[in-house]
Amino acid sequence: VQLQASGGGLVQAGGSLRLACAASGGTFYDMAWFRQTPGKEREFVVRIIWSGGSIRYADGVKGRFTCSRDYAKNTVYLQMNSLKPEDMAVYYCAARISGLRVQYDSWGKGTQVTVSS
């Protein structure tokens, strides 16, 4: 599966951005968003199961971020509202072909989210 992430940019604190991750070349069990800042480990943000739509958010983004999917476009979206400076990171989408796998199989190139205070 190939993943193409888009939608990052510069926004003021309190603002919103919507990220998109378009998948092609195969099917997958779930897709997740992670984020990473320099010097820190990659951090889980949200996971959505493609069939069924079950979603799990990291505690720090609950109530502010909303993950959704578009079957027709084979795309997962991450709507980010009330952005905080601590949300600033490179965001990556990833997909797994099976929920039995611990590691994600496919990764998109990151998209930078910059939040100014």
PDB file of N, CA and C in Angstrom:
ATOM      1  N   VAL A   1       0.854  -1.186   0.000  1.00  0.00           N
ATOM      2  CA  VAL A   1       0.000   0.000   0.000  1.00  0.00           C
ATOM      3  C   VAL A   1       0.888   1.233   0.000  1.00  0.00           C
ATOM      4  N   GLN A   2       0.573   2.151  -0.874  1.00  0.00           N
ATOM      5  CA  GLN A   2       1.301   3.420  -0.903  1.00  0.00           C
ATOM      6  C   GLN A   2       0.412   4.493  -0.272  1.00  0.00           C
ATOM      7  N   LEU A   3       1.040   5.324   0.531  1.00  0.00           N
ATOM      8  CA  LEU A   3       0.314   6.367   1.242  1.00  0.00           C
ATOM      9  C   LEU A   3       0.869   7.728   0.876  1.00  0.00           C
ATOM     10  N   GLN A   4      -0.045   8.657   0.665  1.00  0.00           N
ATOM     11  CA  GLN A   4       0.348  10.023   0.341  1.00  0.00           C
ATOM     12  C   GLN A   4      -0.350  10.957   1.314  1.00  0.00           C
ATOM     13  N   ALA A   5       0.430  11.571   2.178  1.00  0.00           N
ATOM     14  CA  ALA A   5      -0.115  12.506   3.159  1.00  0.00           C
ATOM     15  C   ALA A   5      -0.038  13.926   2.634  1.00  0.00           C
ATOM     16  N   SER A   6      -1.016  14.722   3.025  1.00  0.00           N
ATOM     17  CA  SER A   6      -1.038  16.123   2.607  1.00  0.00           C
ATOM     18  C   SER A   6      -1.807  16.936   3.630  1.00  0.00           C
ATOM     19  N   GLY A   7      -1.719  18.253   3.498  1.00  0.00           N
ATOM     20  CA  GLY A   7      -2.548  19.128   4.304  1.00  0.00           C
ATOM     21  C   GLY A   7      -1.854  19.874   5.417  1.00  0.00           C
ATOM     22  N   GLY A   8      -0.587  19.612   5.618  1.00  0.00           N
ATOM     23  CA  GLY A   8       0.101  20.333   6.670  1.00  0.00           C
ATOM     24  C   GLY A   8       0.267  21.804   6.318  1.00  0.00           C
ATOM     25  N   GLY A   9       0.727  22.563   7.288  1.00  0.00           N
ATOM     26  CA  GLY A   9       0.937  23.980   7.034  1.00  0.00           C
ATOM     27  C   GLY A   9       1.177  24.734   8.320  1.00  0.00           C
ATOM     28  N   LEU A  10       1.080  26.042   8.194  1.00  0.00           N
ATOM     29  CA  LEU A  10       1.293  26.952   9.319  1.00  0.00           C
ATOM     30  C   LEU A  10      -0.052  27.505   9.771  1.00  0.00           C
ATOM     31  N   VAL A  11      -0.280  27.454  11.071  1.00  0.00           N
ATOM     32  CA  VAL A  11      -1.530  27.950  11.619  1.00  0.00           C
ATOM     33  C   VAL A  11      -1.254  28.570  12.977  1.00  0.00           C
ATOM     34  N   GLN A  12      -2.061  29.538  13.348  1.00  0.00           N
ATOM     35  CA  GLN A  12      -1.928  30.117  14.682  1.00  0.00           C
ATOM     36  C   GLN A  12      -2.563  29.207  15.720  1.00  0.00           C
ATOM     37  N   ALA A  13      -2.096  29.319  16.933  1.00  0.00           N
ATOM     38  CA  ALA A  13      -2.693  28.553  18.024  1.00  0.00           C
ATOM     39  C   ALA A  13      -4.193  28.839  18.081  1.00  0.00           C
ATOM     40  N   GLY A  14      -4.954  27.777  18.258  1.00  0.00           N
ATOM     41  CA  GLY A  14      -6.405  27.900  18.245  1.00  0.00           C
ATOM     42  C   GLY A  14      -7.022  27.653  16.895  1.00  0.00           C
ATOM     43  N   GLY A  15      -6.190  27.603  15.874  1.00  0.00           N
ATOM     44  CA  GLY A  15      -6.677  27.406  14.521  1.00  0.00           C
ATOM     45  C   GLY A  15      -6.875  25.939  14.180  1.00  0.00           C
ATOM     46  N   SER A  16      -7.168  25.707  12.900  1.00  0.00           N
ATOM     47  CA  SER A  16      -7.488  24.355  12.437  1.00  0.00           C
ATOM     48  C   SER A  16      -6.718  24.011  11.169  1.00  0.00           C
ATOM     49  N   LEU A  17      -6.488  22.732  11.004  1.00  0.00           N
ATOM     50  CA  LEU A  17      -5.917  22.186   9.777  1.00  0.00           C
ATOM     51  C   LEU A  17      -6.569  20.831   9.545  1.00  0.00           C
ATOM     52  N   ARG A  18      -6.612  20.429   8.288  1.00  0.00           N
ATOM     53  CA  ARG A  18      -7.080  19.091   7.966  1.00  0.00           C
ATOM     54  C   ARG A  18      -6.021  18.371   7.163  1.00  0.00           C
ATOM     55  N   LEU A  19      -5.594  17.237   7.696  1.00  0.00           N
ATOM     56  CA  LEU A  19      -4.646  16.386   6.993  1.00  0.00           C
ATOM     57  C   LEU A  19      -5.407  15.307   6.243  1.00  0.00           C
ATOM     58  N   ALA A  20      -4.815  14.856   5.162  1.00  0.00           N
ATOM     59  CA  ALA A  20      -5.391  13.767   4.389  1.00  0.00           C
ATOM     60  C   ALA A  20      -4.314  12.734   4.097  1.00  0.00           C
ATOM     61  N   CYS A  21      -4.719  11.478   4.059  1.00  0.00           N
ATOM     62  CA  CYS A  21      -3.806  10.402   3.692  1.00  0.00           C
ATOM     63  C   CYS A  21      -4.515   9.523   2.677  1.00  0.00           C
ATOM     64  N   ALA A  22      -4.054   9.588   1.448  1.00  0.00           N
ATOM     65  CA  ALA A  22      -4.651   8.813   0.365  1.00  0.00           C
ATOM     66  C   ALA A  22      -3.881   7.514   0.181  1.00  0.00           C
ATOM     67  N   ALA A  23      -4.611   6.421   0.144  1.00  0.00           N
ATOM     68  CA  ALA A  23      -3.998   5.097  -0.005  1.00  0.00           C
ATOM     69  C   ALA A  23      -4.234   4.554  -1.406  1.00  0.00           C
ATOM     70  N   SER A  24      -3.253   3.835  -1.898  1.00  0.00           N
ATOM     71  CA  SER A  24      -3.381   3.195  -3.199  1.00  0.00           C
ATOM     72  C   SER A  24      -2.563   1.919  -3.223  1.00  0.00           C
ATOM     73  N   GLY A  25      -2.911   1.041  -4.153  1.00  0.00           N
ATOM     74  CA  GLY A  25      -2.101  -0.146  -4.374  1.00  0.00           C
ATOM     75  C   GLY A  25      -2.417  -1.336  -3.497  1.00  0.00           C
ATOM     76  N   GLY A  26      -3.510  -1.292  -2.759  1.00  0.00           N
ATOM     77  CA  GLY A  26      -3.847  -2.458  -1.953  1.00  0.00           C
ATOM     78  C   GLY A  26      -4.854  -2.129  -0.883  1.00  0.00           C
ATOM     79  N   THR A  27      -5.185  -3.151  -0.124  1.00  0.00           N
ATOM     80  CA  THR A  27      -6.134  -2.962   0.976  1.00  0.00           C
ATOM     81  C   THR A  27      -5.388  -2.969   2.295  1.00  0.00           C
ATOM     82  N   PHE A  28      -6.057  -2.497   3.314  1.00  0.00           N
ATOM     83  CA  PHE A  28      -5.418  -2.438   4.619  1.00  0.00           C
ATOM     84  C   PHE A  28      -6.457  -2.611   5.711  1.00  0.00           C
ATOM     85  N   TYR A  29      -6.003  -2.993   6.849  1.00  0.00           N
ATOM     86  CA  TYR A  29      -6.870  -3.214   8.003  1.00  0.00           C
ATOM     87  C   TYR A  29      -7.165  -1.905   8.724  1.00  0.00           C
ATOM     88  N   ASP A  30      -6.149  -1.138   8.984  1.00  0.00           N
ATOM     89  CA  ASP A  30      -6.354   0.120   9.673  1.00  0.00           C
ATOM     90  C   ASP A  30      -5.316   1.135   9.237  1.00  0.00           C
ATOM     91  N   MET A  31      -5.585   2.365   9.559  1.00  0.00           N
ATOM     92  CA  MET A  31      -4.651   3.433   9.287  1.00  0.00           C
ATOM     93  C   MET A  31      -4.494   4.274  10.544  1.00  0.00           C
ATOM     94  N   ALA A  32      -3.309   4.766  10.751  1.00  0.00           N
ATOM     95  CA  ALA A  32      -3.032   5.561  11.939  1.00  0.00           C
ATOM     96  C   ALA A  32      -2.269   6.821  11.552  1.00  0.00           C
ATOM     97  N   TRP A  33      -2.386   7.801  12.412  1.00  0.00           N
ATOM     98  CA  TRP A  33      -1.553   8.993  12.321  1.00  0.00           C
ATOM     99  C   TRP A  33      -0.615   9.000  13.524  1.00  0.00           C
ATOM    100  N   PHE A  34       0.629   9.305  13.225  1.00  0.00           N
ATOM    101  CA  PHE A  34       1.635   9.504  14.248  1.00  0.00           C
ATOM    102  C   PHE A  34       2.237  10.884  14.030  1.00  0.00           C
ATOM    103  N   ARG A  35       2.925  11.366  15.030  1.00  0.00           N
ATOM    104  CA  ARG A  35       3.627  12.635  14.869  1.00  0.00           C
ATOM    105  C   ARG A  35       4.970  12.559  15.580  1.00  0.00           C
ATOM    106  N   GLN A  36       5.869  13.389  15.105  1.00  0.00           N
ATOM    107  CA  GLN A  36       7.218  13.375  15.661  1.00  0.00           C
ATOM    108  C   GLN A  36       7.810  14.765  15.632  1.00  0.00           C
ATOM    109  N   THR A  37       8.446  15.118  16.731  1.00  0.00           N
ATOM    110  CA  THR A  37       9.196  16.364  16.817  1.00  0.00           C
ATOM    111  C   THR A  37      10.673  16.015  16.992  1.00  0.00           C
ATOM    112  N   PRO A  38      11.557  16.918  16.628  1.00  0.00           N
ATOM    113  CA  PRO A  38      12.999  16.632  16.706  1.00  0.00           C
ATOM    114  C   PRO A  38      13.410  16.201  18.106  1.00  0.00           C
ATOM    115  N   GLY A  39      14.147  15.122  18.168  1.00  0.00           N
ATOM    116  CA  GLY A  39      14.679  14.653  19.436  1.00  0.00           C
ATOM    117  C   GLY A  39      13.714  13.808  20.242  1.00  0.00           C
ATOM    118  N   LYS A  40      12.512  13.613  19.718  1.00  0.00           N
ATOM    119  CA  LYS A  40      11.526  12.815  20.441  1.00  0.00           C
ATOM    120  C   LYS A  40      11.117  11.608  19.609  1.00  0.00           C
ATOM    121  N   GLU A  41      10.596  10.605  20.287  1.00  0.00           N
ATOM    122  CA  GLU A  41      10.118   9.424  19.586  1.00  0.00           C
ATOM    123  C   GLU A  41       8.795   9.730  18.907  1.00  0.00           C
ATOM    124  N   ARG A  42       8.529   8.935  17.880  1.00  0.00           N
ATOM    125  CA  ARG A  42       7.270   9.088  17.174  1.00  0.00           C
ATOM    126  C   ARG A  42       6.123   8.803  18.139  1.00  0.00           C
ATOM    127  N   GLU A  43       5.084   9.617  18.071  1.00  0.00           N
ATOM    128  CA  GLU A  43       3.984   9.547  19.018  1.00  0.00           C
ATOM    129  C   GLU A  43       2.686   9.182  18.305  1.00  0.00           C
ATOM    130  N   PHE A  44       1.949   8.264  18.872  1.00  0.00           N
ATOM    131  CA  PHE A  44       0.650   7.874  18.326  1.00  0.00           C
ATOM    132  C   PHE A  44      -0.359   9.000  18.492  1.00  0.00           C
ATOM    133  N   VAL A  45      -1.159   9.230  17.461  1.00  0.00           N
ATOM    134  CA  VAL A  45      -2.178  10.269  17.510  1.00  0.00           C
ATOM    135  C   VAL A  45      -3.583   9.655  17.441  1.00  0.00           C
ATOM    136  N   VAL A  46      -3.818   8.849  16.425  1.00  0.00           N
ATOM    137  CA  VAL A  46      -5.157   8.282  16.237  1.00  0.00           C
ATOM    138  C   VAL A  46      -5.059   7.071  15.337  1.00  0.00           C
ATOM    139  N   ARG A  47      -6.017   6.154  15.497  1.00  0.00           N
ATOM    140  CA  ARG A  47      -6.102   4.976  14.645  1.00  0.00           C
ATOM    141  C   ARG A  47      -7.539   4.750  14.254  1.00  0.00           C
ATOM    142  N   ILE A  48      -7.767   4.438  12.982  1.00  0.00           N
ATOM    143  CA  ILE A  48      -9.103   4.109  12.507  1.00  0.00           C
ATOM    144  C   ILE A  48      -9.069   2.776  11.777  1.00  0.00           C
ATOM    145  N   ILE A  49      -9.985   1.916  12.140  1.00  0.00           N
ATOM    146  CA  ILE A  49     -10.117   0.644  11.438  1.00  0.00           C
ATOM    147  C   ILE A  49     -10.917   0.901  10.172  1.00  0.00           C
ATOM    148  N   TRP A  50     -10.361   0.488   9.027  1.00  0.00           N
ATOM    149  CA  TRP A  50     -10.951   0.873   7.759  1.00  0.00           C
ATOM    150  C   TRP A  50     -12.372   0.322   7.591  1.00  0.00           C
ATOM    151  N   SER A  51     -12.545  -0.948   7.889  1.00  0.00           N
ATOM    152  CA  SER A  51     -13.871  -1.555   7.793  1.00  0.00           C
ATOM    153  C   SER A  51     -14.501  -1.546   9.175  1.00  0.00           C
ATOM    154  N   GLY A  52     -15.531  -0.770   9.339  1.00  0.00           N
ATOM    155  CA  GLY A  52     -16.146  -0.684  10.651  1.00  0.00           C
ATOM    156  C   GLY A  52     -15.973   0.673  11.284  1.00  0.00           C
ATOM    157  N   GLY A  53     -14.845   1.285  11.038  1.00  0.00           N
ATOM    158  CA  GLY A  53     -14.656   2.664  11.455  1.00  0.00           C
ATOM    159  C   GLY A  53     -14.342   2.913  12.905  1.00  0.00           C
ATOM    160  N   SER A  54     -14.017   1.881  13.663  1.00  0.00           N
ATOM    161  CA  SER A  54     -13.656   2.112  15.067  1.00  0.00           C
ATOM    162  C   SER A  54     -12.447   3.023  15.144  1.00  0.00           C
ATOM    163  N   ILE A  55     -12.499   3.986  16.034  1.00  0.00           N
ATOM    164  CA  ILE A  55     -11.447   4.993  16.136  1.00  0.00           C
ATOM    165  C   ILE A  55     -10.926   5.052  17.565  1.00  0.00           C
ATOM    166  N   ARG A  56      -9.626   5.196  17.674  1.00  0.00           N
ATOM    167  CA  ARG A  56      -9.003   5.386  18.991  1.00  0.00           C
ATOM    168  C   ARG A  56      -8.074   6.585  18.922  1.00  0.00           C
ATOM    169  N   TYR A  57      -8.250   7.504  19.850  1.00  0.00           N
ATOM    170  CA  TYR A  57      -7.448   8.723  19.898  1.00  0.00           C
ATOM    171  C   TYR A  57      -6.472   8.686  21.057  1.00  0.00           C
ATOM    172  N   ALA A  58      -5.360   9.336  20.889  1.00  0.00           N
ATOM    173  CA  ALA A  58      -4.473   9.592  22.015  1.00  0.00           C
ATOM    174  C   ALA A  58      -5.169  10.580  22.945  1.00  0.00           C
ATOM    175  N   ASP A  59      -4.898  10.463  24.226  1.00  0.00           N
ATOM    176  CA  ASP A  59      -5.583  11.311  25.198  1.00  0.00           C
ATOM    177  C   ASP A  59      -5.376  12.798  24.909  1.00  0.00           C
ATOM    178  N   GLY A  60      -4.225  13.149  24.456  1.00  0.00           N
ATOM    179  CA  GLY A  60      -3.917  14.562  24.271  1.00  0.00           C
ATOM    180  C   GLY A  60      -4.642  15.244  23.125  1.00  0.00           C
ATOM    181  N   VAL A  61      -5.295  14.463  22.277  1.00  0.00           N
ATOM    182  CA  VAL A  61      -5.992  15.069  21.146  1.00  0.00           C
ATOM    183  C   VAL A  61      -7.498  14.839  21.195  1.00  0.00           C
ATOM    184  N   LYS A  62      -7.963  14.074  22.151  1.00  0.00           N
ATOM    185  CA  LYS A  62      -9.397  13.810  22.260  1.00  0.00           C
ATOM    186  C   LYS A  62     -10.174  15.116  22.406  1.00  0.00           C
ATOM    187  N   GLY A  63     -11.249  15.204  21.675  1.00  0.00           N
ATOM    188  CA  GLY A  63     -12.079  16.393  21.734  1.00  0.00           C
ATOM    189  C   GLY A  63     -11.614  17.508  20.816  1.00  0.00           C
ATOM    190  N   ARG A  64     -10.408  17.399  20.284  1.00  0.00           N
ATOM    191  CA  ARG A  64      -9.893  18.438  19.386  1.00  0.00           C
ATOM    192  C   ARG A  64      -9.677  17.909  17.972  1.00  0.00           C
ATOM    193  N   PHE A  65      -9.263  16.660  17.880  1.00  0.00           N
ATOM    194  CA  PHE A  65      -8.990  16.049  16.583  1.00  0.00           C
ATOM    195  C   PHE A  65     -10.107  15.074  16.234  1.00  0.00           C
ATOM    196  N   THR A  66     -10.436  15.014  14.964  1.00  0.00           N
ATOM    197  CA  THR A  66     -11.451  14.084  14.482  1.00  0.00           C
ATOM    198  C   THR A  66     -10.912  13.353  13.262  1.00  0.00           C
ATOM    199  N   CYS A  67     -10.965  12.058  13.337  1.00  0.00           N
ATOM    200  CA  CYS A  67     -10.506  11.208  12.235  1.00  0.00           C
ATOM    201  C   CYS A  67     -11.711  10.654  11.486  1.00  0.00           C
ATOM    202  N   SER A  68     -11.630  10.631  10.174  1.00  0.00           N
ATOM    203  CA  SER A  68     -12.726  10.088   9.374  1.00  0.00           C
ATOM    204  C   SER A  68     -12.155   9.432   8.124  1.00  0.00           C
ATOM    205  N   ARG A  69     -13.016   8.717   7.420  1.00  0.00           N
ATOM    206  CA  ARG A  69     -12.554   8.044   6.207  1.00  0.00           C
ATOM    207  C   ARG A  69     -13.551   8.252   5.082  1.00  0.00           C
ATOM    208  N   ASP A  70     -13.035   8.195   3.870  1.00  0.00           N
ATOM    209  CA  ASP A  70     -13.851   8.294   2.664  1.00  0.00           C
ATOM    210  C   ASP A  70     -13.552   7.068   1.827  1.00  0.00           C
ATOM    211  N   TYR A  71     -14.520   6.142   1.790  1.00  0.00           N
ATOM    212  CA  TYR A  71     -14.314   4.898   1.053  1.00  0.00           C
ATOM    213  C   TYR A  71     -14.054   5.166  -0.424  1.00  0.00           C
ATOM    214  N   ALA A  72     -14.828   6.063  -0.991  1.00  0.00           N
ATOM    215  CA  ALA A  72     -14.735   6.301  -2.428  1.00  0.00           C
ATOM    216  C   ALA A  72     -13.368   6.819  -2.824  1.00  0.00           C
ATOM    217  N   LYS A  73     -12.766   7.605  -1.950  1.00  0.00           N
ATOM    218  CA  LYS A  73     -11.464   8.195  -2.257  1.00  0.00           C
ATOM    219  C   LYS A  73     -10.314   7.420  -1.622  1.00  0.00           C
ATOM    220  N   ASN A  74     -10.644   6.369  -0.880  1.00  0.00           N
ATOM    221  CA  ASN A  74      -9.613   5.585  -0.187  1.00  0.00           C
ATOM    222  C   ASN A  74      -8.697   6.487   0.635  1.00  0.00           C
ATOM    223  N   THR A  75      -9.323   7.390   1.338  1.00  0.00           N
ATOM    224  CA  THR A  75      -8.574   8.428   2.039  1.00  0.00           C
ATOM    225  C   THR A  75      -9.052   8.548   3.481  1.00  0.00           C
ATOM    226  N   VAL A  76      -8.110   8.777   4.354  1.00  0.00           N
ATOM    227  CA  VAL A  76      -8.392   9.052   5.759  1.00  0.00           C
ATOM    228  C   VAL A  76      -8.039  10.507   6.033  1.00  0.00           C
ATOM    229  N   TYR A  77      -8.899  11.156   6.784  1.00  0.00           N
ATOM    230  CA  TYR A  77      -8.696  12.562   7.118  1.00  0.00           C
ATOM    231  C   TYR A  77      -8.464  12.732   8.612  1.00  0.00           C
ATOM    232  N   LEU A  78      -7.732  13.740   8.946  1.00  0.00           N
ATOM    233  CA  LEU A  78      -7.544  14.119  10.334  1.00  0.00           C
ATOM    234  C   LEU A  78      -7.835  15.609  10.438  1.00  0.00           C
ATOM    235  N   GLN A  79      -9.002  15.908  10.989  1.00  0.00           N
ATOM    236  CA  GLN A  79      -9.376  17.296  11.235  1.00  0.00           C
ATOM    237  C   GLN A  79      -8.830  17.705  12.590  1.00  0.00           C
ATOM    238  N   MET A  80      -8.003  18.722  12.592  1.00  0.00           N
ATOM    239  CA  MET A  80      -7.356  19.158  13.827  1.00  0.00           C
ATOM    240  C   MET A  80      -7.847  20.557  14.162  1.00  0.00           C
ATOM    241  N   ASN A  81      -8.556  20.658  15.269  1.00  0.00           N
ATOM    242  CA  ASN A  81      -9.073  21.937  15.726  1.00  0.00           C
ATOM    243  C   ASN A  81      -8.405  22.347  17.030  1.00  0.00           C
ATOM    244  N   SER A  82      -8.566  23.600  17.365  1.00  0.00           N
ATOM    245  CA  SER A  82      -7.994  24.127  18.618  1.00  0.00           C
ATOM    246  C   SER A  82      -6.529  23.735  18.755  1.00  0.00           C
ATOM    247  N   LEU A  83      -5.782  23.929  17.707  1.00  0.00           N
ATOM    248  CA  LEU A  83      -4.385  23.510  17.707  1.00  0.00           C
ATOM    249  C   LEU A  83      -3.577  24.283  18.729  1.00  0.00           C
ATOM    250  N   LYS A  84      -2.649  23.560  19.329  1.00  0.00           N
ATOM    251  CA  LYS A  84      -1.779  24.120  20.350  1.00  0.00           C
ATOM    252  C   LYS A  84      -0.338  24.065  19.856  1.00  0.00           C
ATOM    253  N   PRO A  85       0.528  24.890  20.415  1.00  0.00           N
ATOM    254  CA  PRO A  85       1.942  24.825  20.010  1.00  0.00           C
ATOM    255  C   PRO A  85       2.520  23.423  20.183  1.00  0.00           C
ATOM    256  N   GLU A  86       2.059  22.696  21.165  1.00  0.00           N
ATOM    257  CA  GLU A  86       2.597  21.351  21.389  1.00  0.00           C
ATOM    258  C   GLU A  86       2.125  20.344  20.347  1.00  0.00           C
ATOM    259  N   ASP A  87       1.184  20.729  19.496  1.00  0.00           N
ATOM    260  CA  ASP A  87       0.771  19.859  18.393  1.00  0.00           C
ATOM    261  C   ASP A  87       1.720  19.971  17.199  1.00  0.00           C
ATOM    262  N   MET A  88       2.589  20.936  17.248  1.00  0.00           N
ATOM    263  CA  MET A  88       3.519  21.148  16.137  1.00  0.00           C
ATOM    264  C   MET A  88       4.450  19.957  16.007  1.00  0.00           C
ATOM    265  N   ALA A  89       4.485  19.381  14.816  1.00  0.00           N
ATOM    266  CA  ALA A  89       5.262  18.173  14.574  1.00  0.00           C
ATOM    267  C   ALA A  89       5.170  17.830  13.096  1.00  0.00           C
ATOM    268  N   VAL A  90       5.946  16.840  12.711  1.00  0.00           N
ATOM    269  CA  VAL A  90       5.752  16.211  11.411  1.00  0.00           C
ATOM    270  C   VAL A  90       4.755  15.067  11.627  1.00  0.00           C
ATOM    271  N   TYR A  91       3.697  15.076  10.855  1.00  0.00           N
ATOM    272  CA  TYR A  91       2.651  14.067  10.986  1.00  0.00           C
ATOM    273  C   TYR A  91       2.814  13.026   9.886  1.00  0.00           C
ATOM    274  N   TYR A  92       2.732  11.771  10.289  1.00  0.00           N
ATOM    275  CA  TYR A  92       2.866  10.652   9.371  1.00  0.00           C
ATOM    276  C   TYR A  92       1.612   9.785   9.415  1.00  0.00           C
ATOM    277  N   CYS A  93       1.172   9.317   8.263  1.00  0.00           N
ATOM    278  CA  CYS A  93       0.127   8.306   8.258  1.00  0.00           C
ATOM    279  C   CYS A  93       0.769   6.953   7.975  1.00  0.00           C
ATOM    280  N   ALA A  94       0.136   5.923   8.497  1.00  0.00           N
ATOM    281  CA  ALA A  94       0.664   4.569   8.364  1.00  0.00           C
ATOM    282  C   ALA A  94      -0.498   3.598   8.258  1.00  0.00           C
ATOM    283  N   ALA A  95      -0.254   2.472   7.622  1.00  0.00           N
ATOM    284  CA  ALA A  95      -1.301   1.470   7.441  1.00  0.00           C
ATOM    285  C   ALA A  95      -0.765   0.077   7.734  1.00  0.00           C
ATOM    286  N   ARG A  96      -1.671  -0.766   8.208  1.00  0.00           N
ATOM    287  CA  ARG A  96      -1.348  -2.171   8.448  1.00  0.00           C
ATOM    288  C   ARG A  96      -2.261  -3.045   7.609  1.00  0.00           C
ATOM    289  N   ILE A  97      -1.724  -4.153   7.124  1.00  0.00           N
ATOM    290  CA  ILE A  97      -2.562  -5.059   6.348  1.00  0.00           C
ATOM    291  C   ILE A  97      -3.342  -5.993   7.258  1.00  0.00           C
ATOM    292  N   SER A  98      -2.934  -6.074   8.518  1.00  0.00           N
ATOM    293  CA  SER A  98      -3.628  -6.942   9.460  1.00  0.00           C
ATOM    294  C   SER A  98      -3.532  -6.366  10.863  1.00  0.00           C
ATOM    295  N   GLY A  99      -4.609  -6.519  11.606  1.00  0.00           N
ATOM    296  CA  GLY A  99      -4.585  -6.088  12.990  1.00  0.00           C
ATOM    297  C   GLY A  99      -3.744  -6.975  13.889  1.00  0.00           C
ATOM    298  N   LEU A 100      -3.295  -8.113  13.371  1.00  0.00           N
ATOM    299  CA  LEU A 100      -2.437  -9.006  14.143  1.00  0.00           C
ATOM    300  C   LEU A 100      -0.985  -8.548  14.123  1.00  0.00           C
ATOM    301  N   ARG A 101      -0.689  -7.657  13.221  1.00  0.00           N
ATOM    302  CA  ARG A 101       0.680  -7.164  13.133  1.00  0.00           C
ATOM    303  C   ARG A 101       0.882  -6.014  14.118  1.00  0.00           C
ATOM    304  N   VAL A 102       2.004  -6.014  14.784  1.00  0.00           N
ATOM    305  CA  VAL A 102       2.302  -4.956  15.744  1.00  0.00           C
ATOM    306  C   VAL A 102       2.792  -3.701  15.013  1.00  0.00           C
ATOM    307  N   GLN A 103       3.675  -3.915  14.064  1.00  0.00           N
ATOM    308  CA  GLN A 103       4.250  -2.787  13.338  1.00  0.00           C
ATOM    309  C   GLN A 103       3.371  -2.419  12.147  1.00  0.00           C
ATOM    310  N   TYR A 104       3.401  -1.159  11.802  1.00  0.00           N
ATOM    311  CA  TYR A 104       2.705  -0.706  10.605  1.00  0.00           C
ATOM    312  C   TYR A 104       3.556  -1.007   9.378  1.00  0.00           C
ATOM    313  N   ASP A 105       2.878  -1.452   8.314  1.00  0.00           N
ATOM    314  CA  ASP A 105       3.589  -1.929   7.129  1.00  0.00           C
ATOM    315  C   ASP A 105       3.982  -0.810   6.177  1.00  0.00           C
ATOM    316  N   SER A 106       3.132   0.167   6.062  1.00  0.00           N
ATOM    317  CA  SER A 106       3.357   1.213   5.082  1.00  0.00           C
ATOM    318  C   SER A 106       3.300   2.574   5.773  1.00  0.00           C
ATOM    319  N   TRP A 107       4.154   3.448   5.306  1.00  0.00           N
ATOM    320  CA  TRP A 107       4.226   4.793   5.862  1.00  0.00           C
ATOM    321  C   TRP A 107       4.226   5.813   4.741  1.00  0.00           C
ATOM    322  N   GLY A 108       3.503   6.890   4.969  1.00  0.00           N
ATOM    323  CA  GLY A 108       3.573   7.994   4.037  1.00  0.00           C
ATOM    324  C   GLY A 108       4.692   8.943   4.433  1.00  0.00           C
ATOM    325  N   LYS A 109       5.061   9.803   3.509  1.00  0.00           N
ATOM    326  CA  LYS A 109       6.013  10.846   3.847  1.00  0.00           C
ATOM    327  C   LYS A 109       5.326  11.814   4.799  1.00  0.00           C
ATOM    328  N   GLY A 110       6.047  12.345   5.690  1.00  0.00           N
ATOM    329  CA  GLY A 110       5.466  13.221   6.688  1.00  0.00           C
ATOM    330  C   GLY A 110       5.011  14.547   6.117  1.00  0.00           C
ATOM    331  N   THR A 111       4.095  15.152   6.825  1.00  0.00           N
ATOM    332  CA  THR A 111       3.649  16.489   6.478  1.00  0.00           C
ATOM    333  C   THR A 111       3.790  17.372   7.716  1.00  0.00           C
ATOM    334  N   GLN A 112       4.403  18.520   7.514  1.00  0.00           N
ATOM    335  CA  GLN A 112       4.740  19.393   8.639  1.00  0.00           C
ATOM    336  C   GLN A 112       3.535  20.207   9.081  1.00  0.00           C
ATOM    337  N   VAL A 113       3.297  20.195  10.378  1.00  0.00           N
ATOM    338  CA  VAL A 113       2.288  21.059  10.980  1.00  0.00           C
ATOM    339  C   VAL A 113       3.014  22.019  11.917  1.00  0.00           C
ATOM    340  N   THR A 114       2.869  23.294  11.648  1.00  0.00           N
ATOM    341  CA  THR A 114       3.517  24.319  12.457  1.00  0.00           C
ATOM    342  C   THR A 114       2.439  25.175  13.104  1.00  0.00           C
ATOM    343  N   VAL A 115       2.523  25.301  14.423  1.00  0.00           N
ATOM    344  CA  VAL A 115       1.538  26.076  15.174  1.00  0.00           C
ATOM    345  C   VAL A 115       2.268  27.220  15.859  1.00  0.00           C
ATOM    346  N   SER A 116       1.894  28.420  15.510  1.00  0.00           N
ATOM    347  CA  SER A 116       2.528  29.585  16.100  1.00  0.00           C
ATOM    348  C   SER A 116       1.726  30.059  17.313  1.00  0.00           C
ATOM    349  N   SER A 117       2.451  30.496  18.311  1.00  0.00           N
ATOM    350  CA  SER A 117       1.772  30.937  19.550  1.00  0.00           C
ATOM    351  C   SER A 117       1.565  32.440  19.550  1.00  0.00           C
TER     352      SER A 117
END
